[in-house]
């Protein structure tokens, strides 16, 4: 197998249901890195969260793709290599709509995700696992108000992660967000909406990085399980769905590995990287 770049989703893929990573998965990633393979976490999470909460024991992860592909960062220097944010005024419009509802609003800008103190209770009231909520918040920058962040052109907002306390409100908010030109919210879990500009996805960040490294799509392996992985799996030459993935993801993928709870990532790396 001629795989030169491996993109690994985190939630539902590398992470088990309790948001931990097995020693087998971690050790297999170490083996792959030591063998010279380019392993790239490719996630909806922020760089700071992926780096400090998931890969805190690794100093040799070369690149991270974050915020659903809208940010690419050098893992060793923390330099942002690519960022694709909302045009002027759009982030503020999304933010104002979200504030009408019982929502936890988590905008992503550069290396970090942000949250408002007063909206944290909505996250825990949503029904998402407490372990996930706690880990997600651990590296966030907490503020009383996020209005000023919305129009920052130096480090633009590139993604919103919105968690709704009420299912009916989520549906209504999704419809309102869809009324903004070039905004297409997706849902990865029952309670959330994820919003980037236009049709941006993990594929965009992955494509940028592959071109930078001189790697062809046919030389890329991608592993994932849910809606925000679809485009990169469709694009990658070696697309691997987790056994726990949605049927839509399985249908677009060429291969399948075991579940996130049974070291599916380690098994795929061993198989396709010949470890």
C-alpha atoms as a PDB file:
ATOM      1  CA  UNK A   1       0.000   0.000   0.000  1.00  0.00           C
ATOM      2  CA  UNK A   2       1.390   3.392  -1.011  1.00  0.00           C
ATOM      3  CA  UNK A   3      -0.058   5.534   1.783  1.00  0.00           C
ATOM      4  CA  UNK A   4       1.911   8.748   2.416  1.00  0.00           C
ATOM      5  CA  UNK A   5      -0.538  10.659   4.635  1.00  0.00           C
ATOM      6  CA  UNK A   6      -3.075   9.271   7.112  1.00  0.00           C
ATOM      7  CA  UNK A   7      -5.934  11.436   8.390  1.00  0.00           C
ATOM      8  CA  UNK A   8      -7.644  10.149  11.551  1.00  0.00           C
ATOM      9  CA  UNK A   9     -10.912  11.503  12.913  1.00  0.00           C
ATOM     10  CA  UNK A  10     -11.157  11.612  16.716  1.00  0.00           C
ATOM     11  CA  UNK A  11     -14.702  11.328  18.149  1.00  0.00           C
ATOM     12  CA  UNK A  12     -16.256   8.003  17.254  1.00  0.00           C
ATOM     13  CA  UNK A  13     -13.078   6.910  15.468  1.00  0.00           C
ATOM     14  CA  UNK A  14      -9.901   7.119  17.554  1.00  0.00           C
ATOM     15  CA  UNK A  15     -11.756   7.881  20.792  1.00  0.00           C
ATOM     16  CA  UNK A  16     -13.856   5.255  22.517  1.00  0.00           C
ATOM     17  CA  UNK A  17     -17.390   6.095  23.589  1.00  0.00           C
ATOM     18  CA  UNK A  18     -16.089   7.313  26.967  1.00  0.00           C
ATOM     19  CA  UNK A  19     -13.747   9.775  25.184  1.00  0.00           C
ATOM     20  CA  UNK A  20     -10.587   7.848  26.075  1.00  0.00           C
ATOM     21  CA  UNK A  21      -7.989   6.413  23.698  1.00  0.00           C
ATOM     22  CA  UNK A  22      -6.829   2.826  24.130  1.00  0.00           C
ATOM     23  CA  UNK A  23      -3.170   2.063  24.739  1.00  0.00           C
ATOM     24  CA  UNK A  24      -3.221  -0.120  21.648  1.00  0.00           C
ATOM     25  CA  UNK A  25      -4.343   2.788  19.474  1.00  0.00           C
ATOM     26  CA  UNK A  26      -1.772   5.139  21.031  1.00  0.00           C
ATOM     27  CA  UNK A  27       1.061   2.641  20.750  1.00  0.00           C
ATOM     28  CA  UNK A  28       0.204   1.850  17.138  1.00  0.00           C
ATOM     29  CA  UNK A  29       0.240   5.556  16.265  1.00  0.00           C
ATOM     30  CA  UNK A  30       3.652   5.823  17.953  1.00  0.00           C
ATOM     31  CA  UNK A  31       4.907   2.910  15.870  1.00  0.00           C
ATOM     32  CA  UNK A  32       3.600   4.547  12.698  1.00  0.00           C
ATOM     33  CA  UNK A  33       5.273   7.878  13.525  1.00  0.00           C
ATOM     34  CA  UNK A  34       8.559   6.154  14.388  1.00  0.00           C
ATOM     35  CA  UNK A  35       8.399   4.344  11.049  1.00  0.00           C
ATOM     36  CA  UNK A  36       8.179   7.713   9.289  1.00  0.00           C
ATOM     37  CA  UNK A  37       4.468   7.791   8.479  1.00  0.00           C
ATOM     38  CA  UNK A  38       2.648  11.139   8.427  1.00  0.00           C
ATOM     39  CA  UNK A  39      -0.245  10.785  10.903  1.00  0.00           C
ATOM     40  CA  UNK A  40      -2.630  13.746  11.009  1.00  0.00           C
ATOM     41  CA  UNK A  41      -5.485  14.114  13.530  1.00  0.00           C
ATOM     42  CA  UNK A  42      -8.401  15.459  11.479  1.00  0.00           C
ATOM     43  CA  UNK A  43     -11.230  16.574  13.698  1.00  0.00           C
ATOM     44  CA  UNK A  44     -14.026  18.966  14.450  1.00  0.00           C
ATOM     45  CA  UNK A  45     -12.255  19.847  17.706  1.00  0.00           C
ATOM     46  CA  UNK A  46      -9.906  22.791  18.139  1.00  0.00           C
ATOM     47  CA  UNK A  47      -6.144  22.392  17.816  1.00  0.00           C
ATOM     48  CA  UNK A  48      -5.679  23.164  21.513  1.00  0.00           C
ATOM     49  CA  UNK A  49      -8.196  20.523  22.537  1.00  0.00           C
ATOM     50  CA  UNK A  50      -6.787  17.805  20.276  1.00  0.00           C
ATOM     51  CA  UNK A  51      -3.215  18.636  21.263  1.00  0.00           C
ATOM     52  CA  UNK A  52      -3.655  19.013  25.022  1.00  0.00           C
ATOM     53  CA  UNK A  53      -6.476  16.568  25.743  1.00  0.00           C
ATOM     54  CA  UNK A  54      -5.831  13.736  23.276  1.00  0.00           C
ATOM     55  CA  UNK A  55      -2.197  13.917  22.121  1.00  0.00           C
ATOM     56  CA  UNK A  56      -0.544  15.466  25.183  1.00  0.00           C
ATOM     57  CA  UNK A  57       2.054  12.676  25.254  1.00  0.00           C
ATOM     58  CA  UNK A  58       3.084  13.225  21.622  1.00  0.00           C
ATOM     59  CA  UNK A  59       5.617  15.828  20.496  1.00  0.00           C
ATOM     60  CA  UNK A  60       6.020  14.419  17.004  1.00  0.00           C
ATOM     61  CA  UNK A  61       2.557  14.791  15.476  1.00  0.00           C
ATOM     62  CA  UNK A  62       3.562  16.814  12.399  1.00  0.00           C
ATOM     63  CA  UNK A  63       0.233  18.437  11.511  1.00  0.00           C
ATOM     64  CA  UNK A  64      -3.293  18.866  12.842  1.00  0.00           C
ATOM     65  CA  UNK A  65      -6.445  19.536  10.829  1.00  0.00           C
ATOM     66  CA  UNK A  66      -9.093  21.110  13.037  1.00  0.00           C
ATOM     67  CA  UNK A  67     -12.481  22.796  13.125  1.00  0.00           C
ATOM     68  CA  UNK A  68     -13.889  20.532  10.399  1.00  0.00           C
ATOM     69  CA  UNK A  69     -11.016  21.240   8.012  1.00  0.00           C
ATOM     70  CA  UNK A  70     -11.034  25.034   8.282  1.00  0.00           C
ATOM     71  CA  UNK A  71      -7.707  25.219  10.167  1.00  0.00           C
ATOM     72  CA  UNK A  72      -4.415  23.411   9.495  1.00  0.00           C
ATOM     73  CA  UNK A  73      -1.586  23.784  12.016  1.00  0.00           C
ATOM     74  CA  UNK A  74       2.025  22.689  12.330  1.00  0.00           C
ATOM     75  CA  UNK A  75       1.944  20.409  15.367  1.00  0.00           C
ATOM     76  CA  UNK A  76       5.480  21.208  16.440  1.00  0.00           C
ATOM     77  CA  UNK A  77       5.587  24.990  16.035  1.00  0.00           C
ATOM     78  CA  UNK A  78       1.850  25.753  16.472  1.00  0.00           C
ATOM     79  CA  UNK A  79       2.014  27.868  13.315  1.00  0.00           C
ATOM     80  CA  UNK A  80      -1.333  28.169  11.524  1.00  0.00           C
ATOM     81  CA  UNK A  81      -0.688  27.136   7.928  1.00  0.00           C
ATOM     82  CA  UNK A  82      -4.244  27.522   6.631  1.00  0.00           C
ATOM     83  CA  UNK A  83      -7.434  29.097   7.918  1.00  0.00           C
ATOM     84  CA  UNK A  84     -10.709  29.634   6.091  1.00  0.00           C
ATOM     85  CA  UNK A  85     -13.185  31.684   8.105  1.00  0.00           C
ATOM     86  CA  UNK A  86     -16.584  33.254   7.659  1.00  0.00           C
ATOM     87  CA  UNK A  87     -16.832  36.424   5.532  1.00  0.00           C
ATOM     88  CA  UNK A  88     -17.389  39.714   7.421  1.00  0.00           C
ATOM     89  CA  UNK A  89     -20.742  39.844   9.199  1.00  0.00           C
ATOM     90  CA  UNK A  90     -21.697  36.180   8.786  1.00  0.00           C
ATOM     91  CA  UNK A  91     -20.263  34.911  12.089  1.00  0.00           C
ATOM     92  CA  UNK A  92     -22.035  37.723  13.962  1.00  0.00           C
ATOM     93  CA  UNK A  93     -25.315  36.828  12.259  1.00  0.00           C
ATOM     94  CA  UNK A  94     -24.976  33.150  13.213  1.00  0.00           C
ATOM     95  CA  UNK A  95     -24.094  34.119  16.787  1.00  0.00           C
ATOM     96  CA  UNK A  96     -27.157  36.370  17.137  1.00  0.00           C
ATOM     97  CA  UNK A  97     -29.458  33.590  15.907  1.00  0.00           C
ATOM     98  CA  UNK A  98     -27.983  31.078  18.358  1.00  0.00           C
ATOM     99  CA  UNK A  99     -28.476  33.433  21.285  1.00  0.00           C
ATOM    100  CA  UNK A 100     -32.253  33.294  20.744  1.00  0.00           C
ATOM    101  CA  UNK A 101     -32.309  29.680  21.920  1.00  0.00           C
ATOM    102  CA  UNK A 102     -31.175  27.517  24.836  1.00  0.00           C
ATOM    103  CA  UNK A 103     -27.837  26.757  23.209  1.00  0.00           C
ATOM    104  CA  UNK A 104     -24.218  26.205  24.131  1.00  0.00           C
ATOM    105  CA  UNK A 105     -22.341  28.258  21.544  1.00  0.00           C
ATOM    106  CA  UNK A 106     -18.752  27.259  20.771  1.00  0.00           C
ATOM    107  CA  UNK A 107     -17.056  29.334  18.057  1.00  0.00           C
ATOM    108  CA  UNK A 108     -13.627  28.297  16.768  1.00  0.00           C
ATOM    109  CA  UNK A 109     -10.978  30.872  15.866  1.00  0.00           C
ATOM    110  CA  UNK A 110      -7.410  29.874  15.094  1.00  0.00           C
ATOM    111  CA  UNK A 111      -5.978  27.431  17.635  1.00  0.00           C
ATOM    112  CA  UNK A 112      -8.786  27.758  20.147  1.00  0.00           C
ATOM    113  CA  UNK A 113     -12.480  27.290  20.808  1.00  0.00           C
ATOM    114  CA  UNK A 114     -14.404  29.753  22.957  1.00  0.00           C
ATOM    115  CA  UNK A 115     -17.484  29.588  25.176  1.00  0.00           C
ATOM    116  CA  UNK A 116     -19.696  31.894  27.218  1.00  0.00           C
ATOM    117  CA  UNK A 117     -19.923  31.267  30.952  1.00  0.00           C
ATOM    118  CA  UNK A 118     -23.688  31.683  31.070  1.00  0.00           C
ATOM    119  CA  UNK A 119     -24.313  29.096  28.357  1.00  0.00           C
ATOM    120  CA  UNK A 120     -22.291  26.221  29.803  1.00  0.00           C
ATOM    121  CA  UNK A 121     -25.360  24.794  31.643  1.00  0.00           C
ATOM    122  CA  UNK A 122     -27.072  24.242  28.276  1.00  0.00           C
ATOM    123  CA  UNK A 123     -24.265  21.860  27.283  1.00  0.00           C
ATOM    124  CA  UNK A 124     -24.724  19.670  30.345  1.00  0.00           C
ATOM    125  CA  UNK A 125     -28.521  19.798  30.023  1.00  0.00           C
ATOM    126  CA  UNK A 126     -28.401  18.558  26.429  1.00  0.00           C
ATOM    127  CA  UNK A 127     -28.030  14.867  27.284  1.00  0.00           C
ATOM    128  CA  UNK A 128     -24.518  14.505  25.869  1.00  0.00           C
ATOM    129  CA  UNK A 129     -22.203  12.327  28.002  1.00  0.00           C
ATOM    130  CA  UNK A 130     -20.646  14.284  30.853  1.00  0.00           C
ATOM    131  CA  UNK A 131     -17.195  12.897  29.989  1.00  0.00           C
ATOM    132  CA  UNK A 132     -17.476  14.391  26.497  1.00  0.00           C
ATOM    133  CA  UNK A 133     -18.723  17.746  27.776  1.00  0.00           C
ATOM    134  CA  UNK A 134     -15.942  18.022  30.353  1.00  0.00           C
ATOM    135  CA  UNK A 135     -13.218  17.074  27.883  1.00  0.00           C
ATOM    136  CA  UNK A 136     -14.569  19.401  25.216  1.00  0.00           C
ATOM    137  CA  UNK A 137     -14.583  22.376  27.576  1.00  0.00           C
ATOM    138  CA  UNK A 138     -11.208  21.655  29.184  1.00  0.00           C
ATOM    139  CA  UNK A 139      -9.134  23.716  26.756  1.00  0.00           C
ATOM    140  CA  UNK A 140     -11.735  26.338  25.791  1.00  0.00           C
ATOM    141  CA  UNK A 141     -11.304  30.023  26.475  1.00  0.00           C
ATOM    142  CA  UNK A 142     -14.182  31.105  28.704  1.00  0.00           C
ATOM    143  CA  UNK A 143     -15.706  34.579  28.269  1.00  0.00           C
ATOM    144  CA  UNK A 144     -18.726  36.470  29.557  1.00  0.00           C
ATOM    145  CA  UNK A 145     -19.607  37.610  26.039  1.00  0.00           C
ATOM    146  CA  UNK A 146     -18.298  36.624  22.616  1.00  0.00           C
ATOM    147  CA  UNK A 147     -19.552  39.550  20.560  1.00  0.00           C
ATOM    148  CA  UNK A 148     -16.105  41.057  19.963  1.00  0.00           C
ATOM    149  CA  UNK A 149     -14.755  37.740  18.663  1.00  0.00           C
ATOM    150  CA  UNK A 150     -17.300  37.669  15.850  1.00  0.00           C
ATOM    151  CA  UNK A 151     -15.717  40.503  13.846  1.00  0.00           C
ATOM    152  CA  UNK A 152     -12.031  39.798  14.502  1.00  0.00           C
ATOM    153  CA  UNK A 153     -10.378  39.791  11.075  1.00  0.00           C
ATOM    154  CA  UNK A 154      -6.917  38.874  12.402  1.00  0.00           C
ATOM    155  CA  UNK A 155      -8.051  35.433  13.557  1.00  0.00           C
ATOM    156  CA  UNK A 156     -11.479  34.868  12.006  1.00  0.00           C
ATOM    157  CA  UNK A 157     -14.120  32.524  13.352  1.00  0.00           C
ATOM    158  CA  UNK A 158     -14.065  29.471  11.078  1.00  0.00           C
ATOM    159  CA  UNK A 159     -16.575  27.135  12.745  1.00  0.00           C
ATOM    160  CA  UNK A 160     -19.483  27.071  15.179  1.00  0.00           C
ATOM    161  CA  UNK A 161     -20.268  24.037  17.296  1.00  0.00           C
ATOM    162  CA  UNK A 162     -23.773  24.529  18.677  1.00  0.00           C
ATOM    163  CA  UNK A 163     -25.376  22.215  21.225  1.00  0.00           C
ATOM    164  CA  UNK A 164     -29.120  22.548  21.731  1.00  0.00           C
ATOM    165  CA  UNK A 165     -30.896  21.703  24.951  1.00  0.00           C
ATOM    166  CA  UNK A 166     -34.223  21.159  23.186  1.00  0.00           C
ATOM    167  CA  UNK A 167     -34.742  19.035  20.033  1.00  0.00           C
ATOM    168  CA  UNK A 168     -37.490  21.293  18.677  1.00  0.00           C
ATOM    169  CA  UNK A 169     -35.320  24.351  19.134  1.00  0.00           C
ATOM    170  CA  UNK A 170     -32.500  22.592  17.297  1.00  0.00           C
ATOM    171  CA  UNK A 171     -34.763  21.967  14.319  1.00  0.00           C
ATOM    172  CA  UNK A 172     -35.979  25.559  14.285  1.00  0.00           C
ATOM    173  CA  UNK A 173     -32.485  26.978  14.674  1.00  0.00           C
ATOM    174  CA  UNK A 174     -31.218  24.739  11.881  1.00  0.00           C
ATOM    175  CA  UNK A 175     -33.911  26.100   9.570  1.00  0.00           C
ATOM    176  CA  UNK A 176     -33.026  29.693  10.456  1.00  0.00           C
ATOM    177  CA  UNK A 177     -29.321  29.100   9.929  1.00  0.00           C
ATOM    178  CA  UNK A 178     -30.053  27.523   6.545  1.00  0.00           C
ATOM    179  CA  UNK A 179     -31.670  30.819   5.565  1.00  0.00           C
ATOM    180  CA  UNK A 180     -28.289  32.549   5.649  1.00  0.00           C
ATOM    181  CA  UNK A 181     -26.666  32.425   2.181  1.00  0.00           C
ATOM    182  CA  UNK A 182     -23.972  29.732   1.884  1.00  0.00           C
ATOM    183  CA  UNK A 183     -24.662  28.274   5.332  1.00  0.00           C
ATOM    184  CA  UNK A 184     -25.434  24.539   5.505  1.00  0.00           C
ATOM    185  CA  UNK A 185     -25.534  23.241   9.097  1.00  0.00           C
ATOM    186  CA  UNK A 186     -24.845  19.562   9.662  1.00  0.00           C
ATOM    187  CA  UNK A 187     -25.510  17.361  12.676  1.00  0.00           C
ATOM    188  CA  UNK A 188     -22.984  14.830  13.955  1.00  0.00           C
ATOM    189  CA  UNK A 189     -24.857  13.824  17.114  1.00  0.00           C
ATOM    190  CA  UNK A 190     -28.510  14.222  17.987  1.00  0.00           C
ATOM    191  CA  UNK A 191     -28.035  17.404  19.999  1.00  0.00           C
ATOM    192  CA  UNK A 192     -25.603  19.398  17.876  1.00  0.00           C
ATOM    193  CA  UNK A 193     -25.251  21.567  14.809  1.00  0.00           C
ATOM    194  CA  UNK A 194     -21.910  22.287  13.163  1.00  0.00           C
ATOM    195  CA  UNK A 195     -21.534  25.284  10.893  1.00  0.00           C
ATOM    196  CA  UNK A 196     -18.693  26.333   8.605  1.00  0.00           C
ATOM    197  CA  UNK A 197     -18.831  28.643   5.605  1.00  0.00           C
ATOM    198  CA  UNK A 198     -20.266  27.321   2.352  1.00  0.00           C
ATOM    199  CA  UNK A 199     -19.402  23.656   1.739  1.00  0.00           C
ATOM    200  CA  UNK A 200     -16.052  23.689   3.541  1.00  0.00           C
ATOM    201  CA  UNK A 201     -15.164  20.357   5.152  1.00  0.00           C
ATOM    202  CA  UNK A 202     -12.285  18.229   6.358  1.00  0.00           C
ATOM    203  CA  UNK A 203     -11.537  17.536   2.709  1.00  0.00           C
ATOM    204  CA  UNK A 204     -10.465  21.172   2.212  1.00  0.00           C
ATOM    205  CA  UNK A 205      -7.910  21.136   5.007  1.00  0.00           C
ATOM    206  CA  UNK A 206      -6.699  17.698   3.968  1.00  0.00           C
ATOM    207  CA  UNK A 207      -6.408  18.714   0.317  1.00  0.00           C
ATOM    208  CA  UNK A 208      -4.413  21.814   1.300  1.00  0.00           C
ATOM    209  CA  UNK A 209      -2.002  19.764   3.389  1.00  0.00           C
ATOM    210  CA  UNK A 210      -1.615  17.046   0.749  1.00  0.00           C
ATOM    211  CA  UNK A 211      -0.718  19.639  -1.906  1.00  0.00           C
ATOM    212  CA  UNK A 212       1.741  21.299   0.481  1.00  0.00           C
ATOM    213  CA  UNK A 213       3.461  17.948   1.035  1.00  0.00           C
ATOM    214  CA  UNK A 214       3.300  16.844  -2.594  1.00  0.00           C
ATOM    215  CA  UNK A 215       0.950  13.964  -1.812  1.00  0.00           C
ATOM    216  CA  UNK A 216      -1.738  12.806  -4.244  1.00  0.00           C
ATOM    217  CA  UNK A 217      -5.300  11.994  -3.128  1.00  0.00           C
ATOM    218  CA  UNK A 218      -4.605   8.393  -4.146  1.00  0.00           C
ATOM    219  CA  UNK A 219      -1.815   8.332  -1.529  1.00  0.00           C
ATOM    220  CA  UNK A 220      -4.038   9.525   1.338  1.00  0.00           C
ATOM    221  CA  UNK A 221      -5.798   7.292   3.861  1.00  0.00           C
ATOM    222  CA  UNK A 222      -8.697   8.724   5.869  1.00  0.00           C
ATOM    223  CA  UNK A 223     -10.564   7.097   8.765  1.00  0.00           C
ATOM    224  CA  UNK A 224     -13.928   8.321  10.038  1.00  0.00           C
ATOM    225  CA  UNK A 225     -17.420   7.539  11.234  1.00  0.00           C
ATOM    226  CA  UNK A 226     -19.862  10.436  10.845  1.00  0.00           C
ATOM    227  CA  UNK A 227     -21.280  13.207   8.674  1.00  0.00           C
ATOM    228  CA  UNK A 228     -18.380  15.622   9.011  1.00  0.00           C
ATOM    229  CA  UNK A 229     -16.040  12.907   7.657  1.00  0.00           C
ATOM    230  CA  UNK A 230     -18.013  12.246   4.472  1.00  0.00           C
ATOM    231  CA  UNK A 231     -16.198  14.558   2.063  1.00  0.00           C
ATOM    232  CA  UNK A 232     -12.675  13.551   3.083  1.00  0.00           C
ATOM    233  CA  UNK A 233     -13.589   9.862   2.809  1.00  0.00           C
ATOM    234  CA  UNK A 234     -15.055  10.464  -0.627  1.00  0.00           C
ATOM    235  CA  UNK A 235     -11.819  12.228  -1.641  1.00  0.00           C
ATOM    236  CA  UNK A 236      -9.144   9.970  -0.137  1.00  0.00           C
ATOM    237  CA  UNK A 237      -7.698   7.068  -2.103  1.00  0.00           C
ATOM    238  CA  UNK A 238      -7.902   4.797   0.953  1.00  0.00           C
ATOM    239  CA  UNK A 239     -11.174   5.556   2.723  1.00  0.00           C
ATOM    240  CA  UNK A 240     -11.814   3.520   5.862  1.00  0.00           C
ATOM    241  CA  UNK A 241     -15.121   3.527   7.747  1.00  0.00           C
ATOM    242  CA  UNK A 242     -15.358   2.430  11.349  1.00  0.00           C
ATOM    243  CA  UNK A 243     -17.656  -0.510  11.995  1.00  0.00           C
ATOM    244  CA  UNK A 244     -19.727   1.853  14.191  1.00  0.00           C
ATOM    245  CA  UNK A 245     -20.014   4.412  11.355  1.00  0.00           C
ATOM    246  CA  UNK A 246     -23.307   5.520   9.885  1.00  0.00           C
ATOM    247  CA  UNK A 247     -24.477   3.709   6.772  1.00  0.00           C
ATOM    248  CA  UNK A 248     -23.868   6.851   4.706  1.00  0.00           C
ATOM    249  CA  UNK A 249     -20.196   6.778   5.712  1.00  0.00           C
ATOM    250  CA  UNK A 250     -19.885   3.051   5.046  1.00  0.00           C
ATOM    251  CA  UNK A 251     -21.411   3.512   1.605  1.00  0.00           C
ATOM    252  CA  UNK A 252     -18.830   6.144   0.570  1.00  0.00           C
ATOM    253  CA  UNK A 253     -15.833   4.245   1.985  1.00  0.00           C
ATOM    254  CA  UNK A 254     -13.792   1.594   0.195  1.00  0.00           C
ATOM    255  CA  UNK A 255     -12.820  -0.299   3.344  1.00  0.00           C
ATOM    256  CA  UNK A 256     -14.120  -0.996   6.837  1.00  0.00           C
ATOM    257  CA  UNK A 257     -12.310  -1.589  10.128  1.00  0.00           C
ATOM    258  CA  UNK A 258     -13.449  -2.534  13.618  1.00  0.00           C
ATOM    259  CA  UNK A 259     -15.350  -0.200  15.969  1.00  0.00           C
ATOM    260  CA  UNK A 260     -13.929   2.724  17.942  1.00  0.00           C
ATOM    261  CA  UNK A 261     -14.322   0.626  21.096  1.00  0.00           C
ATOM    262  CA  UNK A 262     -12.325  -2.276  19.639  1.00  0.00           C
ATOM    263  CA  UNK A 263      -9.164  -0.571  18.348  1.00  0.00           C
ATOM    264  CA  UNK A 264     -10.430  -0.092  14.818  1.00  0.00           C
ATOM    265  CA  UNK A 265      -7.820   2.602  14.146  1.00  0.00           C
ATOM    266  CA  UNK A 266      -4.914   0.403  15.271  1.00  0.00           C
ATOM    267  CA  UNK A 267      -6.169  -2.478  13.130  1.00  0.00           C
ATOM    268  CA  UNK A 268      -6.428  -0.228  10.057  1.00  0.00           C
ATOM    269  CA  UNK A 269      -2.962   1.244  10.561  1.00  0.00           C
ATOM    270  CA  UNK A 270      -1.442  -2.215  10.925  1.00  0.00           C
ATOM    271  CA  UNK A 271      -3.210  -3.393   7.807  1.00  0.00           C
ATOM    272  CA  UNK A 272      -2.643  -0.450   5.466  1.00  0.00           C
ATOM    273  CA  UNK A 273       0.735   0.822   6.724  1.00  0.00           C
ATOM    274  CA  UNK A 274       2.187  -2.691   7.079  1.00  0.00           C
ATOM    275  CA  UNK A 275       3.280  -2.085  10.667  1.00  0.00           C
END
